[in-house]
């Protein structure tokens, strides 16, 4: 069934926007194309060699660490880039940040209406704690970059993983971000921004992926620590390699073809 799922994902790569495989059926990364078409007819993507786009990868991961449909975080990140609100210094201005928070509902509705490509399953919402997490990322940004560079030089990405995990406020409310840390590493690995990132650290065992794994009798550990997170990521990578968690994430959309 696992092999059937892999083949079905490859066969339907042009039908599901988030699959993002290249001509050789290699995963290009979710951020290579969000599937969201902007008013200028360009598709939303992040170039992780650029500082402000790299920052938005962390915004995306942090926003996805909160409850709600995946489209919320995707449109929020797209909104920030389209309107050049991915300039880090902007978020140190309390008046700017408070204005964004106050107008978040209206901005979400208006921005979604001028985009196409991805049709949200429900009305898009920009959670209030998205904005506090953006501020926290700005405050921690220099140290986050240092941890990435040190991880690369030491070929030990647990340095980065442990640092980011210990930053409070990147998850829901004041909670930490955990499950989406492999997403950051996966996207960096796909775009070859940092060297030596192990594939076994790059699979995201979120609720949708775990449900699919259960249906396929893939046993994942109960994730209550960073070590268990990495263990689960490793199990997924063992089964799917450089397709990462995408076949499991796509299972609900693909199973009718199996």
C-alpha atoms as a PDB file:
ATOM      1  CA  UNK A   1       0.000   0.000   0.000  1.00  0.00           C
ATOM      2  CA  UNK A   2       2.911   2.361   0.721  1.00  0.00           C
ATOM      3  CA  UNK A   3       4.296   1.806  -2.776  1.00  0.00           C
ATOM      4  CA  UNK A   4       0.832   2.327  -4.254  1.00  0.00           C
ATOM      5  CA  UNK A   5       0.553   5.600  -2.367  1.00  0.00           C
ATOM      6  CA  UNK A   6       3.918   6.803  -3.677  1.00  0.00           C
ATOM      7  CA  UNK A   7       2.906   5.972  -7.240  1.00  0.00           C
ATOM      8  CA  UNK A   8      -0.494   7.651  -6.836  1.00  0.00           C
ATOM      9  CA  UNK A   9       1.174  10.837  -5.519  1.00  0.00           C
ATOM     10  CA  UNK A  10       3.522  10.934  -8.510  1.00  0.00           C
ATOM     11  CA  UNK A  11       0.704  10.213 -10.950  1.00  0.00           C
ATOM     12  CA  UNK A  12      -1.420  13.036  -9.512  1.00  0.00           C
ATOM     13  CA  UNK A  13       1.365  15.579  -9.008  1.00  0.00           C
ATOM     14  CA  UNK A  14      -0.272  17.985 -11.467  1.00  0.00           C
ATOM     15  CA  UNK A  15      -3.702  17.686  -9.893  1.00  0.00           C
ATOM     16  CA  UNK A  16      -2.909  18.640  -6.293  1.00  0.00           C
ATOM     17  CA  UNK A  17      -1.185  21.988  -5.818  1.00  0.00           C
ATOM     18  CA  UNK A  18       0.883  21.199  -2.743  1.00  0.00           C
ATOM     19  CA  UNK A  19       2.599  18.053  -4.103  1.00  0.00           C
ATOM     20  CA  UNK A  20       5.210  20.142  -5.978  1.00  0.00           C
ATOM     21  CA  UNK A  21       7.303  17.462  -7.708  1.00  0.00           C
ATOM     22  CA  UNK A  22       9.775  18.309 -10.468  1.00  0.00           C
ATOM     23  CA  UNK A  23      10.191  16.520 -13.808  1.00  0.00           C
ATOM     24  CA  UNK A  24      12.210  13.806 -12.062  1.00  0.00           C
ATOM     25  CA  UNK A  25       9.520  13.382  -9.391  1.00  0.00           C
ATOM     26  CA  UNK A  26      11.727  14.949  -6.744  1.00  0.00           C
ATOM     27  CA  UNK A  27       9.992  17.088  -4.138  1.00  0.00           C
ATOM     28  CA  UNK A  28      10.773  20.767  -4.666  1.00  0.00           C
ATOM     29  CA  UNK A  29       9.461  21.913  -1.303  1.00  0.00           C
ATOM     30  CA  UNK A  30       6.132  23.381  -0.295  1.00  0.00           C
ATOM     31  CA  UNK A  31       7.503  26.912  -0.457  1.00  0.00           C
ATOM     32  CA  UNK A  32       8.556  26.522  -4.101  1.00  0.00           C
ATOM     33  CA  UNK A  33       4.900  27.115  -4.991  1.00  0.00           C
ATOM     34  CA  UNK A  34       2.117  27.739  -2.477  1.00  0.00           C
ATOM     35  CA  UNK A  35      -0.489  27.211  -5.193  1.00  0.00           C
ATOM     36  CA  UNK A  36      -1.816  30.698  -4.393  1.00  0.00           C
ATOM     37  CA  UNK A  37      -2.047  32.894  -7.476  1.00  0.00           C
ATOM     38  CA  UNK A  38      -1.462  36.572  -6.757  1.00  0.00           C
ATOM     39  CA  UNK A  39      -3.186  39.522  -8.466  1.00  0.00           C
ATOM     40  CA  UNK A  40      -0.093  39.992 -10.678  1.00  0.00           C
ATOM     41  CA  UNK A  41      -0.631  36.424 -12.009  1.00  0.00           C
ATOM     42  CA  UNK A  42       2.482  35.153 -10.214  1.00  0.00           C
ATOM     43  CA  UNK A  43       2.299  32.187  -7.854  1.00  0.00           C
ATOM     44  CA  UNK A  44       3.406  32.679  -4.282  1.00  0.00           C
ATOM     45  CA  UNK A  45       6.805  31.179  -3.472  1.00  0.00           C
ATOM     46  CA  UNK A  46       9.736  31.804  -1.176  1.00  0.00           C
ATOM     47  CA  UNK A  47      13.360  32.115  -2.221  1.00  0.00           C
ATOM     48  CA  UNK A  48      15.067  30.968   0.966  1.00  0.00           C
ATOM     49  CA  UNK A  49      18.382  32.491  -0.063  1.00  0.00           C
ATOM     50  CA  UNK A  50      16.751  35.875   0.605  1.00  0.00           C
ATOM     51  CA  UNK A  51      16.658  37.041   4.206  1.00  0.00           C
ATOM     52  CA  UNK A  52      13.055  38.243   4.239  1.00  0.00           C
ATOM     53  CA  UNK A  53      11.780  35.084   2.530  1.00  0.00           C
ATOM     54  CA  UNK A  54      13.735  32.913   4.959  1.00  0.00           C
ATOM     55  CA  UNK A  55      12.080  34.821   7.773  1.00  0.00           C
ATOM     56  CA  UNK A  56       8.675  34.068   6.231  1.00  0.00           C
ATOM     57  CA  UNK A  57       9.462  30.340   6.284  1.00  0.00           C
ATOM     58  CA  UNK A  58       9.635  30.611  10.071  1.00  0.00           C
ATOM     59  CA  UNK A  59       6.443  32.671  10.107  1.00  0.00           C
ATOM     60  CA  UNK A  60       4.736  29.939   8.081  1.00  0.00           C
ATOM     61  CA  UNK A  61       5.962  27.165  10.388  1.00  0.00           C
ATOM     62  CA  UNK A  62       4.981  29.091  13.501  1.00  0.00           C
ATOM     63  CA  UNK A  63       1.530  29.930  12.120  1.00  0.00           C
ATOM     64  CA  UNK A  64       1.004  26.279  11.166  1.00  0.00           C
ATOM     65  CA  UNK A  65       1.832  25.346  14.753  1.00  0.00           C
ATOM     66  CA  UNK A  66      -1.473  26.845  15.832  1.00  0.00           C
ATOM     67  CA  UNK A  67      -4.905  25.313  15.340  1.00  0.00           C
ATOM     68  CA  UNK A  68      -6.918  25.986  12.225  1.00  0.00           C
ATOM     69  CA  UNK A  69      -6.961  25.018   8.559  1.00  0.00           C
ATOM     70  CA  UNK A  70      -3.622  25.054   6.735  1.00  0.00           C
ATOM     71  CA  UNK A  71      -4.898  27.726   4.362  1.00  0.00           C
ATOM     72  CA  UNK A  72      -4.902  30.311   7.180  1.00  0.00           C
ATOM     73  CA  UNK A  73      -1.125  30.219   7.631  1.00  0.00           C
ATOM     74  CA  UNK A  74      -0.489  29.986   3.887  1.00  0.00           C
ATOM     75  CA  UNK A  75      -2.543  33.091   3.111  1.00  0.00           C
ATOM     76  CA  UNK A  76      -1.118  34.975   6.092  1.00  0.00           C
ATOM     77  CA  UNK A  77       2.438  34.358   4.900  1.00  0.00           C
ATOM     78  CA  UNK A  78       1.453  35.301   1.352  1.00  0.00           C
ATOM     79  CA  UNK A  79      -0.225  38.480   2.603  1.00  0.00           C
ATOM     80  CA  UNK A  80       2.951  39.545   4.408  1.00  0.00           C
ATOM     81  CA  UNK A  81       5.112  39.014   1.347  1.00  0.00           C
ATOM     82  CA  UNK A  82       2.751  40.598  -1.180  1.00  0.00           C
ATOM     83  CA  UNK A  83       2.481  43.811   0.828  1.00  0.00           C
ATOM     84  CA  UNK A  84       6.201  43.870   1.803  1.00  0.00           C
ATOM     85  CA  UNK A  85       5.346  43.309   5.443  1.00  0.00           C
ATOM     86  CA  UNK A  86       8.192  40.823   5.770  1.00  0.00           C
ATOM     87  CA  UNK A  87      10.604  43.634   6.659  1.00  0.00           C
ATOM     88  CA  UNK A  88      11.745  42.660  10.147  1.00  0.00           C
ATOM     89  CA  UNK A  89      12.090  46.190  11.524  1.00  0.00           C
ATOM     90  CA  UNK A  90       8.420  46.909  10.851  1.00  0.00           C
ATOM     91  CA  UNK A  91       7.417  44.530  13.629  1.00  0.00           C
ATOM     92  CA  UNK A  92       9.403  46.426  16.248  1.00  0.00           C
ATOM     93  CA  UNK A  93       7.005  49.344  15.742  1.00  0.00           C
ATOM     94  CA  UNK A  94       4.160  48.843  18.210  1.00  0.00           C
ATOM     95  CA  UNK A  95       1.806  51.101  16.250  1.00  0.00           C
ATOM     96  CA  UNK A  96       2.326  49.078  13.067  1.00  0.00           C
ATOM     97  CA  UNK A  97       1.871  45.751  14.858  1.00  0.00           C
ATOM     98  CA  UNK A  98      -1.253  46.922  16.697  1.00  0.00           C
ATOM     99  CA  UNK A  99      -2.777  48.222  13.458  1.00  0.00           C
ATOM    100  CA  UNK A 100      -2.200  44.837  11.816  1.00  0.00           C
ATOM    101  CA  UNK A 101      -3.843  43.071  14.752  1.00  0.00           C
ATOM    102  CA  UNK A 102      -6.853  45.390  14.775  1.00  0.00           C
ATOM    103  CA  UNK A 103      -7.458  44.997  11.040  1.00  0.00           C
ATOM    104  CA  UNK A 104      -6.595  41.315  10.747  1.00  0.00           C
ATOM    105  CA  UNK A 105     -10.129  40.092   9.993  1.00  0.00           C
ATOM    106  CA  UNK A 106     -10.760  42.670   7.287  1.00  0.00           C
ATOM    107  CA  UNK A 107      -7.298  42.156   5.780  1.00  0.00           C
ATOM    108  CA  UNK A 108      -7.749  38.376   5.660  1.00  0.00           C
ATOM    109  CA  UNK A 109     -11.087  38.682   3.867  1.00  0.00           C
ATOM    110  CA  UNK A 110      -9.926  41.319   1.383  1.00  0.00           C
ATOM    111  CA  UNK A 111      -6.650  39.602   0.547  1.00  0.00           C
ATOM    112  CA  UNK A 112      -8.220  36.191   0.036  1.00  0.00           C
ATOM    113  CA  UNK A 113     -10.740  37.722  -2.371  1.00  0.00           C
ATOM    114  CA  UNK A 114      -8.020  39.032  -4.729  1.00  0.00           C
ATOM    115  CA  UNK A 115      -6.113  35.733  -4.881  1.00  0.00           C
ATOM    116  CA  UNK A 116      -6.924  32.549  -6.754  1.00  0.00           C
ATOM    117  CA  UNK A 117      -5.493  29.076  -7.244  1.00  0.00           C
ATOM    118  CA  UNK A 118      -6.177  27.773  -3.737  1.00  0.00           C
ATOM    119  CA  UNK A 119      -9.821  27.732  -2.726  1.00  0.00           C
ATOM    120  CA  UNK A 120      -9.971  27.713   1.094  1.00  0.00           C
ATOM    121  CA  UNK A 121     -12.265  25.125   2.581  1.00  0.00           C
ATOM    122  CA  UNK A 122     -13.521  27.707   5.080  1.00  0.00           C
ATOM    123  CA  UNK A 123     -13.190  31.467   5.474  1.00  0.00           C
ATOM    124  CA  UNK A 124      -9.544  32.410   5.995  1.00  0.00           C
ATOM    125  CA  UNK A 125      -8.684  33.802   9.409  1.00  0.00           C
ATOM    126  CA  UNK A 126      -5.504  35.499  10.682  1.00  0.00           C
ATOM    127  CA  UNK A 127      -5.263  34.473  14.334  1.00  0.00           C
ATOM    128  CA  UNK A 128      -4.256  37.157  16.809  1.00  0.00           C
ATOM    129  CA  UNK A 129      -1.337  35.085  18.074  1.00  0.00           C
ATOM    130  CA  UNK A 130       0.152  34.948  14.559  1.00  0.00           C
ATOM    131  CA  UNK A 131       1.271  38.515  15.158  1.00  0.00           C
ATOM    132  CA  UNK A 132       2.829  37.994  18.579  1.00  0.00           C
ATOM    133  CA  UNK A 133       4.785  35.077  17.113  1.00  0.00           C
ATOM    134  CA  UNK A 134       6.067  37.279  14.274  1.00  0.00           C
ATOM    135  CA  UNK A 135       7.318  39.745  16.883  1.00  0.00           C
ATOM    136  CA  UNK A 136       8.980  36.934  18.832  1.00  0.00           C
ATOM    137  CA  UNK A 137      10.710  35.696  15.680  1.00  0.00           C
ATOM    138  CA  UNK A 138      12.057  39.184  15.002  1.00  0.00           C
ATOM    139  CA  UNK A 139      13.432  39.383  18.539  1.00  0.00           C
ATOM    140  CA  UNK A 140      15.093  35.971  18.235  1.00  0.00           C
ATOM    141  CA  UNK A 141      16.136  36.238  14.595  1.00  0.00           C
ATOM    142  CA  UNK A 142      19.866  36.836  15.017  1.00  0.00           C
ATOM    143  CA  UNK A 143      20.187  33.920  17.425  1.00  0.00           C
ATOM    144  CA  UNK A 144      18.124  31.663  15.164  1.00  0.00           C
ATOM    145  CA  UNK A 145      20.432  32.451  12.238  1.00  0.00           C
ATOM    146  CA  UNK A 146      23.482  31.814  14.399  1.00  0.00           C
ATOM    147  CA  UNK A 147      22.108  28.421  15.452  1.00  0.00           C
ATOM    148  CA  UNK A 148      21.588  27.466  11.793  1.00  0.00           C
ATOM    149  CA  UNK A 149      25.115  28.491  10.832  1.00  0.00           C
ATOM    150  CA  UNK A 150      26.592  26.648  13.794  1.00  0.00           C
ATOM    151  CA  UNK A 151      24.543  23.544  12.943  1.00  0.00           C
ATOM    152  CA  UNK A 152      25.887  23.651   9.397  1.00  0.00           C
ATOM    153  CA  UNK A 153      29.506  24.094  10.475  1.00  0.00           C
ATOM    154  CA  UNK A 154      29.228  21.324  13.086  1.00  0.00           C
ATOM    155  CA  UNK A 155      26.991  19.147  10.870  1.00  0.00           C
ATOM    156  CA  UNK A 156      24.710  18.828  13.873  1.00  0.00           C
ATOM    157  CA  UNK A 157      21.236  20.223  13.276  1.00  0.00           C
ATOM    158  CA  UNK A 158      20.092  19.275  16.763  1.00  0.00           C
ATOM    159  CA  UNK A 159      21.741  22.567  17.779  1.00  0.00           C
ATOM    160  CA  UNK A 160      19.191  24.459  15.696  1.00  0.00           C
ATOM    161  CA  UNK A 161      16.311  22.156  16.604  1.00  0.00           C
ATOM    162  CA  UNK A 162      16.883  22.543  20.338  1.00  0.00           C
ATOM    163  CA  UNK A 163      17.322  26.299  20.098  1.00  0.00           C
ATOM    164  CA  UNK A 164      14.112  26.899  18.178  1.00  0.00           C
ATOM    165  CA  UNK A 165      12.187  24.486  20.383  1.00  0.00           C
ATOM    166  CA  UNK A 166      13.137  26.457  23.477  1.00  0.00           C
ATOM    167  CA  UNK A 167      11.773  29.761  22.142  1.00  0.00           C
ATOM    168  CA  UNK A 168       8.452  30.291  23.887  1.00  0.00           C
ATOM    169  CA  UNK A 169       5.637  31.924  21.943  1.00  0.00           C
ATOM    170  CA  UNK A 170       6.137  30.326  18.527  1.00  0.00           C
ATOM    171  CA  UNK A 171       3.340  27.833  19.101  1.00  0.00           C
ATOM    172  CA  UNK A 172      -0.218  28.657  20.156  1.00  0.00           C
ATOM    173  CA  UNK A 173      -0.242  31.525  22.653  1.00  0.00           C
ATOM    174  CA  UNK A 174       2.923  31.281  24.756  1.00  0.00           C
ATOM    175  CA  UNK A 175       3.552  27.649  23.839  1.00  0.00           C
ATOM    176  CA  UNK A 176       6.608  26.388  21.986  1.00  0.00           C
ATOM    177  CA  UNK A 177       6.750  25.208  18.397  1.00  0.00           C
ATOM    178  CA  UNK A 178       7.658  21.540  17.986  1.00  0.00           C
ATOM    179  CA  UNK A 179       5.867  19.541  15.272  1.00  0.00           C
ATOM    180  CA  UNK A 180       6.638  22.064  12.512  1.00  0.00           C
ATOM    181  CA  UNK A 181      10.388  22.319  13.144  1.00  0.00           C
ATOM    182  CA  UNK A 182      11.061  19.527  10.584  1.00  0.00           C
ATOM    183  CA  UNK A 183       9.104  21.608   8.037  1.00  0.00           C
ATOM    184  CA  UNK A 184      11.732  24.348   8.299  1.00  0.00           C
ATOM    185  CA  UNK A 185      14.570  21.876   7.804  1.00  0.00           C
ATOM    186  CA  UNK A 186      12.782  20.159   4.926  1.00  0.00           C
ATOM    187  CA  UNK A 187      12.284  23.397   3.022  1.00  0.00           C
ATOM    188  CA  UNK A 188      15.889  24.454   3.613  1.00  0.00           C
ATOM    189  CA  UNK A 189      17.053  21.041   2.404  1.00  0.00           C
ATOM    190  CA  UNK A 190      14.871  21.164  -0.712  1.00  0.00           C
ATOM    191  CA  UNK A 191      16.316  24.541  -1.696  1.00  0.00           C
ATOM    192  CA  UNK A 192      19.863  23.528  -0.641  1.00  0.00           C
ATOM    193  CA  UNK A 193      20.267  26.646   1.478  1.00  0.00           C
ATOM    194  CA  UNK A 194      22.225  24.924   4.255  1.00  0.00           C
ATOM    195  CA  UNK A 195      24.472  21.906   3.794  1.00  0.00           C
ATOM    196  CA  UNK A 196      24.228  18.557   5.502  1.00  0.00           C
ATOM    197  CA  UNK A 197      20.624  18.603   6.704  1.00  0.00           C
ATOM    198  CA  UNK A 198      19.667  14.936   7.277  1.00  0.00           C
ATOM    199  CA  UNK A 199      16.497  13.842   5.511  1.00  0.00           C
ATOM    200  CA  UNK A 200      15.504  11.924   8.624  1.00  0.00           C
ATOM    201  CA  UNK A 201      14.937  15.265  10.402  1.00  0.00           C
ATOM    202  CA  UNK A 202      12.699  16.659   7.657  1.00  0.00           C
ATOM    203  CA  UNK A 203       9.325  14.901   7.945  1.00  0.00           C
ATOM    204  CA  UNK A 204       6.408  16.567   9.708  1.00  0.00           C
ATOM    205  CA  UNK A 205       4.311  14.163  11.823  1.00  0.00           C
ATOM    206  CA  UNK A 206       1.307  16.450  12.224  1.00  0.00           C
ATOM    207  CA  UNK A 207      -2.222  15.234  12.939  1.00  0.00           C
ATOM    208  CA  UNK A 208      -3.117  14.690   9.282  1.00  0.00           C
ATOM    209  CA  UNK A 209       0.085  12.731   8.663  1.00  0.00           C
ATOM    210  CA  UNK A 210      -0.359  10.648  11.819  1.00  0.00           C
ATOM    211  CA  UNK A 211      -3.917   9.707  10.849  1.00  0.00           C
ATOM    212  CA  UNK A 212      -2.747   8.568   7.426  1.00  0.00           C
ATOM    213  CA  UNK A 213       0.121   6.586   8.967  1.00  0.00           C
ATOM    214  CA  UNK A 214      -2.349   4.812  11.238  1.00  0.00           C
ATOM    215  CA  UNK A 215      -4.505   3.861   8.249  1.00  0.00           C
ATOM    216  CA  UNK A 216      -1.423   2.398   6.545  1.00  0.00           C
ATOM    217  CA  UNK A 217      -0.247   0.557   9.674  1.00  0.00           C
ATOM    218  CA  UNK A 218       2.873   2.696   9.941  1.00  0.00           C
ATOM    219  CA  UNK A 219       3.717   2.851  13.632  1.00  0.00           C
ATOM    220  CA  UNK A 220       4.827   6.275  14.821  1.00  0.00           C
ATOM    221  CA  UNK A 221       5.885   6.945  18.421  1.00  0.00           C
ATOM    222  CA  UNK A 222       3.829   9.116  20.724  1.00  0.00           C
ATOM    223  CA  UNK A 223       5.417  12.546  20.344  1.00  0.00           C
ATOM    224  CA  UNK A 224       5.997  14.109  23.745  1.00  0.00           C
ATOM    225  CA  UNK A 225       9.575  15.305  23.278  1.00  0.00           C
ATOM    226  CA  UNK A 226      12.055  16.458  20.639  1.00  0.00           C
ATOM    227  CA  UNK A 227      13.680  13.007  20.583  1.00  0.00           C
ATOM    228  CA  UNK A 228      10.306  11.374  19.840  1.00  0.00           C
ATOM    229  CA  UNK A 229       9.602  14.002  17.165  1.00  0.00           C
ATOM    230  CA  UNK A 230      12.855  13.142  15.407  1.00  0.00           C
ATOM    231  CA  UNK A 231      12.177   9.430  15.822  1.00  0.00           C
ATOM    232  CA  UNK A 232       8.779   9.828  14.130  1.00  0.00           C
ATOM    233  CA  UNK A 233      10.333  11.920  11.356  1.00  0.00           C
ATOM    234  CA  UNK A 234      12.916   9.182  10.823  1.00  0.00           C
ATOM    235  CA  UNK A 235      10.246   6.482  10.494  1.00  0.00           C
ATOM    236  CA  UNK A 236       8.427   8.502   7.833  1.00  0.00           C
ATOM    237  CA  UNK A 237      11.661   9.188   5.958  1.00  0.00           C
ATOM    238  CA  UNK A 238      12.529   5.485   6.031  1.00  0.00           C
ATOM    239  CA  UNK A 239       9.278   4.701   4.193  1.00  0.00           C
ATOM    240  CA  UNK A 240       9.062   7.655   1.793  1.00  0.00           C
ATOM    241  CA  UNK A 241      12.596   9.021   1.401  1.00  0.00           C
ATOM    242  CA  UNK A 242      12.825  12.381  -0.354  1.00  0.00           C
ATOM    243  CA  UNK A 243       9.062  12.515  -0.823  1.00  0.00           C
ATOM    244  CA  UNK A 244       9.140  13.181   2.937  1.00  0.00           C
ATOM    245  CA  UNK A 245       5.717  13.308   4.597  1.00  0.00           C
ATOM    246  CA  UNK A 246       3.938  14.489   1.443  1.00  0.00           C
ATOM    247  CA  UNK A 247       2.377  11.105   0.535  1.00  0.00           C
ATOM    248  CA  UNK A 248       0.915  10.811   4.035  1.00  0.00           C
ATOM    249  CA  UNK A 249      -0.269  14.431   4.018  1.00  0.00           C
ATOM    250  CA  UNK A 250      -1.873  13.793   0.626  1.00  0.00           C
ATOM    251  CA  UNK A 251      -3.457  10.498   1.667  1.00  0.00           C
ATOM    252  CA  UNK A 252      -6.943  11.947   2.185  1.00  0.00           C
ATOM    253  CA  UNK A 253      -6.859  13.486  -1.304  1.00  0.00           C
ATOM    254  CA  UNK A 254      -5.188  10.491  -2.953  1.00  0.00           C
ATOM    255  CA  UNK A 255      -6.822   7.439  -1.361  1.00  0.00           C
ATOM    256  CA  UNK A 256      -9.627   7.345  -3.933  1.00  0.00           C
ATOM    257  CA  UNK A 257      -6.963   6.528  -6.550  1.00  0.00           C
ATOM    258  CA  UNK A 258      -5.455   3.636  -4.572  1.00  0.00           C
END
